[in-house]
Amino acid sequence: TIRRDLDALAAQGVLERVRGGARTLLLRGEEPPFA
């Protein structure tokens, strides 16, 4: 079911489908604090 969900979300441009899962399409523009 998750694989079907990821395929559907990837088709909508929500995320990027990769082998074994998914990753965000958003650029990492905000830096987490050093601490």
Full PDB file with SEQRES, HELIX, SHEET, SSBOND, CRYST1, ORIGX, SCALE, CONECT and MASTER records, all heavy atoms in Angstrom:
SEQRES   1 A   35  THR ILE ARG ARG ASP LEU ASP ALA LEU ALA ALA GLN GLY          
SEQRES   2 A   35  VAL LEU GLU ARG VAL ARG GLY GLY ALA ARG THR LEU LEU          
SEQRES   3 A   35  LEU ARG GLY GLU GLU PRO PRO PHE ALA                          
HELIX    1 AA1 ILE A    2  ALA A   11  1                                  10    
SHEET    1 AA1 2 LEU A  15  VAL A  18  0                                        
SHEET    2 AA1 2 GLY A  21  THR A  24 -1                                        
CRYST1    1.000    1.000    1.000  90.00  90.00  90.00 P 1           1          
ORIGX1      1.000000  0.000000  0.000000        0.00000                         
ORIGX2      0.000000  1.000000  0.000000        0.00000                         
ORIGX3      0.000000  0.000000  1.000000        0.00000                         
SCALE1      1.000000  0.000000  0.000000        0.00000                         
SCALE2      0.000000  1.000000  0.000000        0.00000                         
SCALE3      0.000000  0.000000  1.000000        0.00000                         
ATOM      1  N   THR A   1       0.832  -1.205   0.000  1.00  0.00           N  
ATOM      2  CA  THR A   1       0.000   0.000   0.000  1.00  0.00           C  
ATOM      3  C   THR A   1       0.862   1.249   0.000  1.00  0.00           C  
ATOM      4  O   THR A   1       0.576   2.219  -0.719  1.00  0.00           O  
ATOM      5  CB  THR A   1      -0.924   0.011   1.224  1.00  0.00           C  
ATOM      6  OG1 THR A   1      -1.808  -1.115   1.155  1.00  0.00           O  
ATOM      7  CG2 THR A   1      -1.754   1.290   1.286  1.00  0.00           C  
ATOM      8  N   ILE A   2       1.931   1.243   0.788  1.00  0.00           N  
ATOM      9  CA  ILE A   2       2.828   2.398   0.851  1.00  0.00           C  
ATOM     10  C   ILE A   2       3.467   2.649  -0.515  1.00  0.00           C  
ATOM     11  O   ILE A   2       3.596   3.799  -0.952  1.00  0.00           O  
ATOM     12  CB  ILE A   2       3.909   2.200   1.932  1.00  0.00           C  
ATOM     13  CG1 ILE A   2       3.280   2.203   3.318  1.00  0.00           C  
ATOM     14  CG2 ILE A   2       4.991   3.272   1.819  1.00  0.00           C  
ATOM     15  CD1 ILE A   2       2.602   3.511   3.688  1.00  0.00           C  
ATOM     16  N   ARG A   3       3.870   1.593  -1.194  1.00  0.00           N  
ATOM     17  CA  ARG A   3       4.466   1.775  -2.521  1.00  0.00           C  
ATOM     18  C   ARG A   3       3.475   2.441  -3.481  1.00  0.00           C  
ATOM     19  O   ARG A   3       3.850   3.314  -4.279  1.00  0.00           O  
ATOM     20  CB  ARG A   3       4.936   0.425  -3.072  1.00  0.00           C  
ATOM     21  CG  ARG A   3       6.134  -0.156  -2.327  1.00  0.00           C  
ATOM     22  CD  ARG A   3       6.681  -1.378  -3.056  1.00  0.00           C  
ATOM     23  NE  ARG A   3       7.782  -1.965  -2.322  1.00  0.00           N  
ATOM     24  CZ  ARG A   3       7.665  -2.963  -1.438  1.00  0.00           C  
ATOM     25  NH1 ARG A   3       6.451  -3.481  -1.199  1.00  0.00           N  
ATOM     26  NH2 ARG A   3       8.701  -3.431  -0.808  1.00  0.00           N  
ATOM     27  N   ARG A   4       2.216   2.029  -3.423  1.00  0.00           N  
ATOM     28  CA  ARG A   4       1.191   2.663  -4.271  1.00  0.00           C  
ATOM     29  C   ARG A   4       1.008   4.129  -3.870  1.00  0.00           C  
ATOM     30  O   ARG A   4       0.859   5.010  -4.728  1.00  0.00           O  
ATOM     31  CB  ARG A   4      -0.129   1.903  -4.163  1.00  0.00           C  
ATOM     32  CG  ARG A   4      -0.135   0.551  -4.868  1.00  0.00           C  
ATOM     33  CD  ARG A   4      -1.563   0.062  -5.095  1.00  0.00           C  
ATOM     34  NE  ARG A   4      -2.244  -0.187  -3.822  1.00  0.00           N  
ATOM     35  CZ  ARG A   4      -2.298  -1.373  -3.224  1.00  0.00           C  
ATOM     36  NH1 ARG A   4      -1.723  -2.432  -3.787  1.00  0.00           N  
ATOM     37  NH2 ARG A   4      -2.941  -1.515  -2.089  1.00  0.00           N  
ATOM     38  N   ASP A   5       1.006   4.378  -2.546  1.00  0.00           N  
ATOM     39  CA  ASP A   5       0.874   5.761  -2.068  1.00  0.00           C  
ATOM     40  C   ASP A   5       2.026   6.623  -2.574  1.00  0.00           C  
ATOM     41  O   ASP A   5       1.815   7.760  -3.021  1.00  0.00           O  
ATOM     42  CB  ASP A   5       0.868   5.791  -0.534  1.00  0.00           C  
ATOM     43  CG  ASP A   5      -0.391   5.206   0.064  1.00  0.00           C  
ATOM     44  OD1 ASP A   5      -1.400   5.114  -0.643  1.00  0.00           O  
ATOM     45  OD2 ASP A   5      -0.348   4.857   1.266  1.00  0.00           O  
ATOM     46  N   LEU A   6       3.244   6.110  -2.504  1.00  0.00           N  
ATOM     47  CA  LEU A   6       4.411   6.876  -2.939  1.00  0.00           C  
ATOM     48  C   LEU A   6       4.366   7.147  -4.434  1.00  0.00           C  
ATOM     49  O   LEU A   6       4.730   8.236  -4.891  1.00  0.00           O  
ATOM     50  CB  LEU A   6       5.697   6.147  -2.564  1.00  0.00           C  
ATOM     51  CG  LEU A   6       5.989   6.018  -1.067  1.00  0.00           C  
ATOM     52  CD1 LEU A   6       7.292   5.263  -0.839  1.00  0.00           C  
ATOM     53  CD2 LEU A   6       6.042   7.383  -0.396  1.00  0.00           C  
ATOM     54  N   ASP A   7       3.927   6.153  -5.194  1.00  0.00           N  
ATOM     55  CA  ASP A   7       3.804   6.350  -6.639  1.00  0.00           C  
ATOM     56  C   ASP A   7       2.791   7.462  -6.933  1.00  0.00           C  
ATOM     57  O   ASP A   7       3.014   8.310  -7.812  1.00  0.00           O  
ATOM     58  CB  ASP A   7       3.375   5.057  -7.321  1.00  0.00           C  
ATOM     59  CG  ASP A   7       4.479   4.003  -7.330  1.00  0.00           C  
ATOM     60  OD1 ASP A   7       5.657   4.386  -7.157  1.00  0.00           O  
ATOM     61  OD2 ASP A   7       4.159   2.809  -7.488  1.00  0.00           O  
ATOM     62  N   ALA A   8       1.682   7.454  -6.188  1.00  0.00           N  
ATOM     63  CA  ALA A   8       0.644   8.469  -6.402  1.00  0.00           C  
ATOM     64  C   ALA A   8       1.151   9.855  -6.011  1.00  0.00           C  
ATOM     65  O   ALA A   8       0.923  10.837  -6.730  1.00  0.00           O  
ATOM     66  CB  ALA A   8      -0.612   8.111  -5.603  1.00  0.00           C  
ATOM     67  N   LEU A   9       1.838   9.954  -4.895  1.00  0.00           N  
ATOM     68  CA  LEU A   9       2.350  11.241  -4.430  1.00  0.00           C  
ATOM     69  C   LEU A   9       3.455  11.760  -5.348  1.00  0.00           C  
ATOM     70  O   LEU A   9       3.573  12.971  -5.575  1.00  0.00           O  
ATOM     71  CB  LEU A   9       2.863  11.115  -2.999  1.00  0.00           C  
ATOM     72  CG  LEU A   9       1.772  10.893  -1.938  1.00  0.00           C  
ATOM     73  CD1 LEU A   9       2.395  10.516  -0.595  1.00  0.00           C  
ATOM     74  CD2 LEU A   9       0.903  12.132  -1.798  1.00  0.00           C  
ATOM     75  N   ALA A  10       4.263  10.855  -5.875  1.00  0.00           N  
ATOM     76  CA  ALA A  10       5.312  11.259  -6.814  1.00  0.00           C  
ATOM     77  C   ALA A  10       4.687  11.807  -8.093  1.00  0.00           C  
ATOM     78  O   ALA A  10       5.175  12.788  -8.666  1.00  0.00           O  
ATOM     79  CB  ALA A  10       6.227  10.080  -7.123  1.00  0.00           C  
ATOM     80  N   ALA A  11       3.606  11.177  -8.552  1.00  0.00           N  
ATOM     81  CA  ALA A  11       2.919  11.643  -9.758  1.00  0.00           C  
ATOM     82  C   ALA A  11       2.321  13.028  -9.555  1.00  0.00           C  
ATOM     83  O   ALA A  11       2.188  13.807 -10.508  1.00  0.00           O  
ATOM     84  CB  ALA A  11       1.832  10.650 -10.154  1.00  0.00           C  
ATOM     85  N   GLN A  12       1.990  13.368  -8.308  1.00  0.00           N  
ATOM     86  CA  GLN A  12       1.435  14.681  -7.990  1.00  0.00           C  
ATOM     87  C   GLN A  12       2.521  15.728  -7.741  1.00  0.00           C  
ATOM     88  O   GLN A  12       2.225  16.908  -7.535  1.00  0.00           O  
ATOM     89  CB  GLN A  12       0.549  14.580  -6.737  1.00  0.00           C  
ATOM     90  CG  GLN A  12      -0.656  13.685  -6.890  1.00  0.00           C  
ATOM     91  CD  GLN A  12      -1.331  13.403  -5.555  1.00  0.00           C  
ATOM     92  OE1 GLN A  12      -1.246  14.194  -4.618  1.00  0.00           O  
ATOM     93  NE2 GLN A  12      -2.008  12.266  -5.462  1.00  0.00           N  
ATOM     94  N   GLY A  13       3.785  15.299  -7.775  1.00  0.00           N  
ATOM     95  CA  GLY A  13       4.878  16.232  -7.532  1.00  0.00           C  
ATOM     96  C   GLY A  13       5.092  16.560  -6.072  1.00  0.00           C  
ATOM     97  O   GLY A  13       5.740  17.559  -5.737  1.00  0.00           O  
ATOM     98  N   VAL A  14       4.587  15.711  -5.180  1.00  0.00           N  
ATOM     99  CA  VAL A  14       4.724  15.963  -3.743  1.00  0.00           C  
ATOM    100  C   VAL A  14       6.087  15.527  -3.234  1.00  0.00           C  
ATOM    101  O   VAL A  14       6.659  16.135  -2.326  1.00  0.00           O  
ATOM    102  CB  VAL A  14       3.596  15.238  -2.981  1.00  0.00           C  
ATOM    103  CG1 VAL A  14       3.783  15.361  -1.473  1.00  0.00           C  
ATOM    104  CG2 VAL A  14       2.242  15.799  -3.406  1.00  0.00           C  
ATOM    105  N   LEU A  15       6.638  14.453  -3.811  1.00  0.00           N  
ATOM    106  CA  LEU A  15       7.907  13.894  -3.385  1.00  0.00           C  
ATOM    107  C   LEU A  15       8.570  13.202  -4.562  1.00  0.00           C  
ATOM    108  O   LEU A  15       7.991  13.100  -5.648  1.00  0.00           O  
ATOM    109  CB  LEU A  15       7.708  12.927  -2.205  1.00  0.00           C  
ATOM    110  CG  LEU A  15       6.604  11.850  -2.324  1.00  0.00           C  
ATOM    111  CD1 LEU A  15       7.018  10.698  -3.206  1.00  0.00           C  
ATOM    112  CD2 LEU A  15       6.213  11.354  -0.941  1.00  0.00           C  
ATOM    113  N   GLU A  16       9.778  12.731  -4.327  1.00  0.00           N  
ATOM    114  CA  GLU A  16      10.509  11.991  -5.366  1.00  0.00           C  
ATOM    115  C   GLU A  16      10.609  10.534  -4.962  1.00  0.00           C  
ATOM    116  O   GLU A  16      11.031  10.219  -3.841  1.00  0.00           O  
ATOM    117  CB  GLU A  16      11.910  12.572  -5.571  1.00  0.00           C  
ATOM    118  CG  GLU A  16      12.705  11.831  -6.651  1.00  0.00           C  
ATOM    119  CD  GLU A  16      14.096  12.391  -6.834  1.00  0.00           C  
ATOM    120  OE1 GLU A  16      14.461  13.300  -6.060  1.00  0.00           O  
ATOM    121  OE2 GLU A  16      14.815  11.919  -7.721  1.00  0.00           O  
ATOM    122  N   ARG A  17      10.214   9.665  -5.849  1.00  0.00           N  
ATOM    123  CA  ARG A  17      10.302   8.224  -5.588  1.00  0.00           C  
ATOM    124  C   ARG A  17      11.725   7.757  -5.817  1.00  0.00           C  
ATOM    125  O   ARG A  17      12.332   8.027  -6.853  1.00  0.00           O  
ATOM    126  CB  ARG A  17       9.355   7.487  -6.536  1.00  0.00           C  
ATOM    127  CG  ARG A  17       9.134   6.023  -6.203  1.00  0.00           C  
ATOM    128  CD  ARG A  17       8.200   5.870  -5.018  1.00  0.00           C  
ATOM    129  NE  ARG A  17       7.684   4.519  -4.960  1.00  0.00           N  
ATOM    130  CZ  ARG A  17       8.323   3.498  -4.343  1.00  0.00           C  
ATOM    131  NH1 ARG A  17       9.491   3.702  -3.770  1.00  0.00           N  
ATOM    132  NH2 ARG A  17       7.772   2.301  -4.341  1.00  0.00           N  
ATOM    133  N   VAL A  18      12.296   7.061  -4.845  1.00  0.00           N  
ATOM    134  CA  VAL A  18      13.615   6.468  -4.984  1.00  0.00           C  
ATOM    135  C   VAL A  18      13.523   5.005  -4.569  1.00  0.00           C  
ATOM    136  O   VAL A  18      12.539   4.566  -3.968  1.00  0.00           O  
ATOM    137  CB  VAL A  18      14.673   7.195  -4.115  1.00  0.00           C  
ATOM    138  CG1 VAL A  18      14.854   8.630  -4.562  1.00  0.00           C  
ATOM    139  CG2 VAL A  18      14.297   7.144  -2.637  1.00  0.00           C  
ATOM    140  N   ARG A  19      14.569   4.265  -4.873  1.00  0.00           N  
ATOM    141  CA  ARG A  19      14.555   2.841  -4.558  1.00  0.00           C  
ATOM    142  C   ARG A  19      14.397   2.627  -3.052  1.00  0.00           C  
ATOM    143  O   ARG A  19      15.163   3.149  -2.257  1.00  0.00           O  
ATOM    144  CB  ARG A  19      15.855   2.196  -5.035  1.00  0.00           C  
ATOM    145  CG  ARG A  19      15.911   0.695  -4.816  1.00  0.00           C  
ATOM    146  CD  ARG A  19      17.184   0.131  -5.379  1.00  0.00           C  
ATOM    147  NE  ARG A  19      17.263  -1.312  -5.193  1.00  0.00           N  
ATOM    148  CZ  ARG A  19      18.277  -2.059  -5.558  1.00  0.00           C  
ATOM    149  NH1 ARG A  19      19.327  -1.495  -6.150  1.00  0.00           N  
ATOM    150  NH2 ARG A  19      18.262  -3.370  -5.354  1.00  0.00           N  
ATOM    151  N   GLY A  20      13.376   1.883  -2.686  1.00  0.00           N  
ATOM    152  CA  GLY A  20      13.153   1.556  -1.282  1.00  0.00           C  
ATOM    153  C   GLY A  20      12.403   2.599  -0.493  1.00  0.00           C  
ATOM    154  O   GLY A  20      12.188   2.429   0.713  1.00  0.00           O  
ATOM    155  N   GLY A  21      11.985   3.702  -1.143  1.00  0.00           N  
ATOM    156  CA  GLY A  21      11.295   4.735  -0.382  1.00  0.00           C  
ATOM    157  C   GLY A  21      11.085   6.001  -1.177  1.00  0.00           C  
ATOM    158  O   GLY A  21      10.776   5.960  -2.370  1.00  0.00           O  
ATOM    159  N   ALA A  22      11.260   7.147  -0.521  1.00  0.00           N  
ATOM    160  CA  ALA A  22      11.040   8.439  -1.170  1.00  0.00           C  
ATOM    161  C   ALA A  22      11.899   9.484  -0.495  1.00  0.00           C  
ATOM    162  O   ALA A  22      12.381   9.305   0.617  1.00  0.00           O  
ATOM    163  CB  ALA A  22       9.565   8.831  -1.088  1.00  0.00           C  
ATOM    164  N   ARG A  23      12.090  10.620  -1.207  1.00  0.00           N  
ATOM    165  CA  ARG A  23      12.788  11.747  -0.601  1.00  0.00           C  
ATOM    166  C   ARG A  23      12.099  13.035  -1.020  1.00  0.00           C  
ATOM    167  O   ARG A  23      11.389  13.088  -2.017  1.00  0.00           O  
ATOM    168  CB  ARG A  23      14.257  11.773  -0.999  1.00  0.00           C  
ATOM    169  CG  ARG A  23      14.541  12.009  -2.469  1.00  0.00           C  
ATOM    170  CD  ARG A  23      16.031  11.919  -2.719  1.00  0.00           C  
ATOM    171  NE  ARG A  23      16.353  12.067  -4.141  1.00  0.00           N  
ATOM    172  CZ  ARG A  23      17.555  11.819  -4.649  1.00  0.00           C  
ATOM    173  NH1 ARG A  23      18.535  11.405  -3.862  1.00  0.00           N  
ATOM    174  NH2 ARG A  23      17.782  11.973  -5.927  1.00  0.00           N  
ATOM    175  N   THR A  24      12.342  14.069  -0.252  1.00  0.00           N  
ATOM    176  CA  THR A  24      11.683  15.345  -0.494  1.00  0.00           C  
ATOM    177  C   THR A  24      12.194  15.997  -1.766  1.00  0.00           C  
ATOM    178  O   THR A  24      13.343  15.809  -2.170  1.00  0.00           O  
ATOM    179  CB  THR A  24      11.897  16.289   0.703  1.00  0.00           C  
ATOM    180  OG1 THR A  24      11.201  17.517   0.455  1.00  0.00           O  
ATOM    181  CG2 THR A  24      13.362  16.593   0.912  1.00  0.00           C  
ATOM    182  N   LEU A  25      11.337  16.797  -2.378  1.00  0.00           N  
ATOM    183  CA  LEU A  25      11.730  17.597  -3.528  1.00  0.00           C  
ATOM    184  C   LEU A  25      12.136  19.007  -3.119  1.00  0.00           C  
ATOM    185  O   LEU A  25      12.598  19.795  -3.939  1.00  0.00           O  
ATOM    186  CB  LEU A  25      10.570  17.693  -4.524  1.00  0.00           C  
ATOM    187  CG  LEU A  25      10.273  16.424  -5.318  1.00  0.00           C  
ATOM    188  CD1 LEU A  25       8.960  16.572  -6.081  1.00  0.00           C  
ATOM    189  CD2 LEU A  25      11.404  16.107  -6.278  1.00  0.00           C  
ATOM    190  N   LEU A  26      11.938  19.333  -1.839  1.00  0.00           N  
ATOM    191  CA  LEU A  26      12.257  20.670  -1.363  1.00  0.00           C  
ATOM    192  C   LEU A  26      13.752  20.829  -1.195  1.00  0.00           C  
ATOM    193  O   LEU A  26      14.440  19.924  -0.726  1.00  0.00           O  
ATOM    194  CB  LEU A  26      11.571  20.938  -0.014  1.00  0.00           C  
ATOM    195  CG  LEU A  26      10.038  20.926  -0.019  1.00  0.00           C  
ATOM    196  CD1 LEU A  26       9.534  21.146   1.399  1.00  0.00           C  
ATOM    197  CD2 LEU A  26       9.498  21.987  -0.952  1.00  0.00           C  
ATOM    198  N   LEU A  27      14.274  21.996  -1.577  1.00  0.00           N  
ATOM    199  CA  LEU A  27      15.664  22.312  -1.319  1.00  0.00           C  
ATOM    200  C   LEU A  27      15.857  22.555   0.170  1.00  0.00           C  
ATOM    201  O   LEU A  27      14.963  23.037   0.860  1.00  0.00           O  
ATOM    202  CB  LEU A  27      16.094  23.562  -2.095  1.00  0.00           C  
ATOM    203  CG  LEU A  27      16.091  23.421  -3.616  1.00  0.00           C  
ATOM    204  CD1 LEU A  27      16.475  24.746  -4.243  1.00  0.00           C  
ATOM    205  CD2 LEU A  27      17.041  22.333  -4.060  1.00  0.00           C  
ATOM    206  N   ARG A  28      17.050  22.247   0.645  1.00  0.00           N  
ATOM    207  CA  ARG A  28      17.345  22.424   2.062  1.00  0.00           C  
ATOM    208  C   ARG A  28      17.791  23.864   2.317  1.00  0.00           C  
ATOM    209  O   ARG A  28      18.959  24.160   2.469  1.00  0.00           O  
ATOM    210  CB  ARG A  28      18.431  21.439   2.494  1.00  0.00           C  
ATOM    211  CG  ARG A  28      17.963  19.987   2.393  1.00  0.00           C  
ATOM    212  CD  ARG A  28      16.838  19.743   3.373  1.00  0.00           C  
ATOM    213  NE  ARG A  28      16.289  18.412   3.214  1.00  0.00           N  
ATOM    214  CZ  ARG A  28      15.375  17.919   4.016  1.00  0.00           C  
ATOM    215  NH1 ARG A  28      14.892  18.617   4.989  1.00  0.00           N  
ATOM    216  NH2 ARG A  28      14.910  16.702   3.812  1.00  0.00           N  
ATOM    217  N   GLY A  29      16.839  24.784   2.369  1.00  0.00           N  
ATOM    218  CA  GLY A  29      17.184  26.183   2.501  1.00  0.00           C  
ATOM    219  C   GLY A  29      17.340  26.666   3.927  1.00  0.00           C  
ATOM    220  O   GLY A  29      17.836  27.752   4.161  1.00  0.00           O  
ATOM    221  N   GLU A  30      16.892  25.900   4.894  1.00  0.00           N  
ATOM    222  CA  GLU A  30      16.950  26.346   6.285  1.00  0.00           C  
ATOM    223  C   GLU A  30      17.942  25.488   7.054  1.00  0.00           C  
ATOM    224  O   GLU A  30      17.823  24.262   7.105  1.00  0.00           O  
ATOM    225  CB  GLU A  30      15.565  26.257   6.924  1.00  0.00           C  
ATOM    226  CG  GLU A  30      15.533  26.771   8.353  1.00  0.00           C  
ATOM    227  CD  GLU A  30      14.140  26.745   8.951  1.00  0.00           C  
ATOM    228  OE1 GLU A  30      13.183  26.458   8.209  1.00  0.00           O  
ATOM    229  OE2 GLU A  30      14.010  27.002  10.157  1.00  0.00           O  
ATOM    230  N   GLU A  31      18.911  26.130   7.663  1.00  0.00           N  
ATOM    231  CA  GLU A  31      19.985  25.420   8.347  1.00  0.00           C  
ATOM    232  C   GLU A  31      19.603  25.124   9.789  1.00  0.00           C  
ATOM    233  O   GLU A  31      19.243  26.042  10.537  1.00  0.00           O  
ATOM    234  CB  GLU A  31      21.252  26.261   8.318  1.00  0.00           C  
ATOM    235  CG  GLU A  31      22.452  25.578   8.914  1.00  0.00           C  
ATOM    236  CD  GLU A  31      23.724  26.364   8.681  1.00  0.00           C  
ATOM    237  OE1 GLU A  31      23.653  27.587   8.503  1.00  0.00           O  
ATOM    238  OE2 GLU A  31      24.789  25.737   8.688  1.00  0.00           O  
ATOM    239  N   PRO A  32      19.677  23.861  10.226  1.00  0.00           N  
ATOM    240  CA  PRO A  32      19.427  23.564  11.636  1.00  0.00           C  
ATOM    241  C   PRO A  32      20.490  24.219  12.504  1.00  0.00           C  
ATOM    242  O   PRO A  32      21.634  24.386  12.094  1.00  0.00           O  
ATOM    243  CB  PRO A  32      19.539  22.020  11.690  1.00  0.00           C  
ATOM    244  CG  PRO A  32      19.373  21.574  10.285  1.00  0.00           C  
ATOM    245  CD  PRO A  32      19.939  22.659   9.432  1.00  0.00           C  
ATOM    246  N   PRO A  33      20.152  24.607  13.738  1.00  0.00           N  
ATOM    247  CA  PRO A  33      21.124  25.246  14.619  1.00  0.00           C  
ATOM    248  C   PRO A  33      22.337  24.344  14.874  1.00  0.00           C  
ATOM    249  O   PRO A  33      22.213  23.119  14.910  1.00  0.00           O  
ATOM    250  CB  PRO A  33      20.327  25.471  15.913  1.00  0.00           C  
ATOM    251  CG  PRO A  33      18.891  25.460  15.494  1.00  0.00           C  
ATOM    252  CD  PRO A  33      18.813  24.517  14.344  1.00  0.00           C  
ATOM    253  N   PHE A  34      23.496  24.972  15.083  1.00  0.00           N  
ATOM    254  CA  PHE A  34      24.733  24.229  15.317  1.00  0.00           C  
ATOM    255  C   PHE A  34      24.587  23.290  16.518  1.00  0.00           C  
ATOM    256  O   PHE A  34      25.002  22.127  16.463  1.00  0.00           O  
ATOM    257  CB  PHE A  34      25.889  25.210  15.557  1.00  0.00           C  
ATOM    258  CG  PHE A  34      27.231  24.544  15.694  1.00  0.00           C  
ATOM    259  CD1 PHE A  34      28.049  24.373  14.589  1.00  0.00           C  
ATOM    260  CD2 PHE A  34      27.685  24.093  16.927  1.00  0.00           C  
ATOM    261  CE1 PHE A  34      29.286  23.761  14.708  1.00  0.00           C  
ATOM    262  CE2 PHE A  34      28.920  23.471  17.052  1.00  0.00           C  
ATOM    263  CZ  PHE A  34      29.712  23.313  15.943  1.00  0.00           C  
ATOM    264  N   ALA A  35      24.003  23.800  17.605  1.00  0.00           N  
ATOM    265  CA  ALA A  35      23.867  22.983  18.820  1.00  0.00           C  
ATOM    266  C   ALA A  35      23.022  21.745  18.568  1.00  0.00           C  
ATOM    267  O   ALA A  35      23.287  20.673  19.123  1.00  0.00           O  
ATOM    268  CB  ALA A  35      23.257  23.818  19.942  1.00  0.00           C  
TER     269      ALA A  35                                                      
MASTER        0    0    0    1    2    0    0    6  268    1    0    3          
END                                                                             
